[in-house]
Protein backbone atom coordinates (compact mmCIF):
# COMPACT_ATOMS: atom_id res chain seq x y z
CA UNK A 1 23.68 -4.52 -2.83
CA UNK A 2 23.10 -1.09 -4.32
CA UNK A 3 23.50 -2.32 -7.90
CA UNK A 4 20.37 -4.43 -7.44
CA UNK A 5 18.41 -1.22 -6.89
CA UNK A 6 20.25 1.37 -8.97
CA UNK A 7 20.07 -0.80 -12.09
CA UNK A 8 16.28 -0.35 -12.16
CA UNK A 9 14.80 1.18 -15.29
CA UNK A 10 14.61 4.95 -14.61
CA UNK A 11 11.16 4.99 -16.19
CA UNK A 12 9.90 2.88 -13.28
CA UNK A 13 10.59 5.64 -10.77
CA UNK A 14 9.49 8.55 -12.95
CA UNK A 15 6.17 9.75 -11.66
CA UNK A 16 2.94 10.33 -13.50
CA UNK A 17 -0.11 12.28 -12.41
CA UNK A 18 -3.58 11.04 -13.22
CA UNK A 19 -6.80 12.91 -12.64
CA UNK A 20 -9.55 10.69 -11.30
CA UNK A 21 -13.12 11.41 -10.33
CA UNK A 22 -14.10 10.07 -6.92
CA UNK A 23 -17.83 10.47 -6.40
CA UNK A 24 -18.05 13.50 -8.65
CA UNK A 25 -14.95 15.22 -7.27
CA UNK A 26 -11.90 15.39 -9.52
CA UNK A 27 -8.62 14.76 -7.74
CA UNK A 28 -5.07 14.28 -8.95
CA UNK A 29 -2.95 11.34 -7.90
CA UNK A 30 0.80 11.40 -8.46
CA UNK A 31 2.55 8.02 -8.29
CA UNK A 32 5.70 6.51 -9.71
CA UNK A 33 5.15 4.46 -12.87
CA UNK A 34 5.95 1.19 -11.10
CA UNK A 35 3.07 1.77 -8.68
CA UNK A 36 0.70 2.52 -11.56
CA UNK A 37 1.79 -0.77 -13.19
CA UNK A 38 1.06 -2.76 -10.03
CA UNK A 39 -2.33 -1.06 -9.58
CA UNK A 40 -3.15 -1.86 -13.22
CA UNK A 41 -2.28 -5.53 -12.59
CA UNK A 42 -4.48 -5.63 -9.48
CA UNK A 43 -7.35 -4.03 -11.41
CA UNK A 44 -6.99 -6.44 -14.36
CA UNK A 45 -7.19 -9.44 -12.03
CA UNK A 46 -10.71 -8.40 -11.08
CA UNK A 47 -11.81 -7.15 -14.49
CA UNK A 48 -11.62 -3.49 -13.50
CA UNK A 49 -10.00 -0.42 -14.92
CA UNK A 50 -7.43 1.27 -12.69
CA UNK A 51 -9.82 4.17 -11.95
CA UNK A 52 -12.54 1.69 -10.93
CA UNK A 53 -10.05 -0.03 -8.63
CA UNK A 54 -9.04 3.30 -7.11
CA UNK A 55 -12.70 4.22 -6.50
CA UNK A 56 -13.31 0.85 -4.86
CA UNK A 57 -10.22 1.15 -2.65
CA UNK A 58 -11.23 4.69 -1.68
CA UNK A 59 -14.77 3.60 -0.76
CA UNK A 60 -13.54 0.62 1.26
CA UNK A 61 -10.94 2.76 3.04
CA UNK A 62 -13.60 5.32 4.01
CA UNK A 63 -15.93 2.54 5.18
CA UNK A 64 -13.16 0.93 7.26
CA UNK A 65 -11.36 3.99 8.63
CA UNK A 66 -13.94 6.76 8.31
CA UNK A 67 -11.48 9.19 6.75
CA UNK A 68 -8.77 9.32 4.13
CA UNK A 69 -5.48 11.03 4.90
CA UNK A 70 -2.82 10.73 2.22
CA UNK A 71 -4.56 8.59 -0.39
CA UNK A 72 -1.53 8.47 -2.72
CA UNK A 73 0.51 6.96 0.11
CA UNK A 74 -2.28 4.46 0.76
CA UNK A 75 -2.12 3.40 -2.92
CA UNK A 76 1.67 2.97 -2.72
CA UNK A 77 1.35 0.84 0.40
CA UNK A 78 -1.44 -1.18 -1.25
CA UNK A 79 0.81 -1.92 -4.23
CA UNK A 80 3.70 -2.97 -1.98
CA UNK A 81 1.37 -5.06 0.17
CA UNK A 82 0.07 -6.83 -2.94
CA UNK A 83 3.62 -7.70 -4.05
CA UNK A 84 4.58 -8.76 -0.52
CA UNK A 85 1.53 -11.02 -0.15
CA UNK A 86 2.42 -12.68 -3.46
CA UNK A 87 6.04 -13.15 -2.32
CA UNK A 88 4.79 -14.80 0.89
CA UNK A 89 2.50 -17.12 -1.07
CA UNK A 90 -0.61 -15.61 0.52
CA UNK A 91 -1.91 -14.39 -2.86
CA UNK A 92 -1.64 -16.62 -5.92
CA UNK A 93 0.84 -15.51 -8.57
CA UNK A 94 -1.65 -16.58 -11.24
CA UNK A 95 -3.06 -13.23 -12.39
CA UNK A 96 -6.13 -14.98 -13.83
CA UNK A 97 -7.41 -15.59 -10.27
CA UNK A 98 -9.44 -12.52 -9.20
CA UNK A 99 -8.50 -11.10 -5.82
CA UNK A 100 -12.21 -10.57 -5.12
CA UNK A 101 -12.70 -14.35 -5.29
CA UNK A 102 -10.27 -14.97 -2.41
CA UNK A 103 -11.21 -15.25 1.26
CA UNK A 104 -9.60 -12.14 2.79
CA UNK A 105 -9.63 -13.65 6.28
CA UNK A 106 -7.70 -16.67 5.01
CA UNK A 107 -5.19 -14.50 3.10
CA UNK A 108 -4.56 -12.36 6.18
CA UNK A 109 -4.66 -15.13 8.81
CA UNK A 110 -1.66 -14.92 11.10
CA UNK A 111 -0.60 -11.44 10.01
CA UNK A 112 -0.49 -8.59 12.52
CA UNK A 113 -3.71 -6.53 12.65
CA UNK A 114 -1.86 -3.46 11.42
CA UNK A 115 1.61 -2.47 10.37
CA UNK A 116 3.75 -3.46 7.42
CA UNK A 117 3.81 -6.89 5.87
CA UNK A 118 7.44 -8.03 5.97
CA UNK A 119 9.24 -10.76 4.12
CA UNK A 120 12.62 -12.19 5.10
CA UNK A 121 13.43 -9.42 7.56
CA UNK A 122 16.43 -10.17 9.73
CA UNK A 123 15.91 -9.96 13.47
CA UNK A 124 18.76 -7.45 13.57
CA UNK A 125 16.63 -5.09 11.52
CA UNK A 126 13.78 -4.98 14.02
CA UNK A 127 12.26 -1.53 14.55
CA UNK A 128 13.57 0.72 17.29
CA UNK A 129 11.26 0.78 20.30
CA UNK A 130 9.10 3.88 20.57
CA UNK A 131 10.30 6.59 22.90
CA UNK A 132 8.20 7.44 25.91
CA UNK A 133 6.58 10.88 25.75
CA UNK A 134 8.28 13.61 27.74
CA UNK A 135 6.25 15.54 30.28
CA UNK A 136 6.21 19.27 30.79
CA UNK A 137 4.23 21.63 32.99
CA UNK A 138 1.65 21.86 30.19
CA UNK A 139 1.30 18.13 29.61
CA UNK A 140 2.82 15.57 27.29
CA UNK A 141 5.28 16.66 24.64
CA UNK A 142 5.30 14.37 21.59
CA UNK A 143 8.52 12.37 21.09
CA UNK A 144 11.15 13.84 18.79
CA UNK A 145 11.45 12.15 15.43
């Protein structure tokens, strides 16, 4: 099993930092090269540059969630979600079909409202149930991680 992963091109997991301007504010984003490649593919599908895609994702995230926490992590998850949706047949593999032309509701139909998109996950690998919060004299203590 490990050989499948360790035989990856080391360049794919080297990271690269790009400075991007989001609404006049310059910020740095550090991602592994493989993530940059996936984001570039997503951008190309819709005739955008990667910075334009990042600006659009940022704007849509703010509009949907109201705040942005770790934006680099969001971009990594977006890249993995893109690949997962293709693997599930929910997004066409044909890169000439713009993602913006697809009906998002149709692509996402039947998926959980939130949480990871999973493909071929064995039932034995199901997540561990969340622990109940402990109580103290001062209130609830968050569960240990």
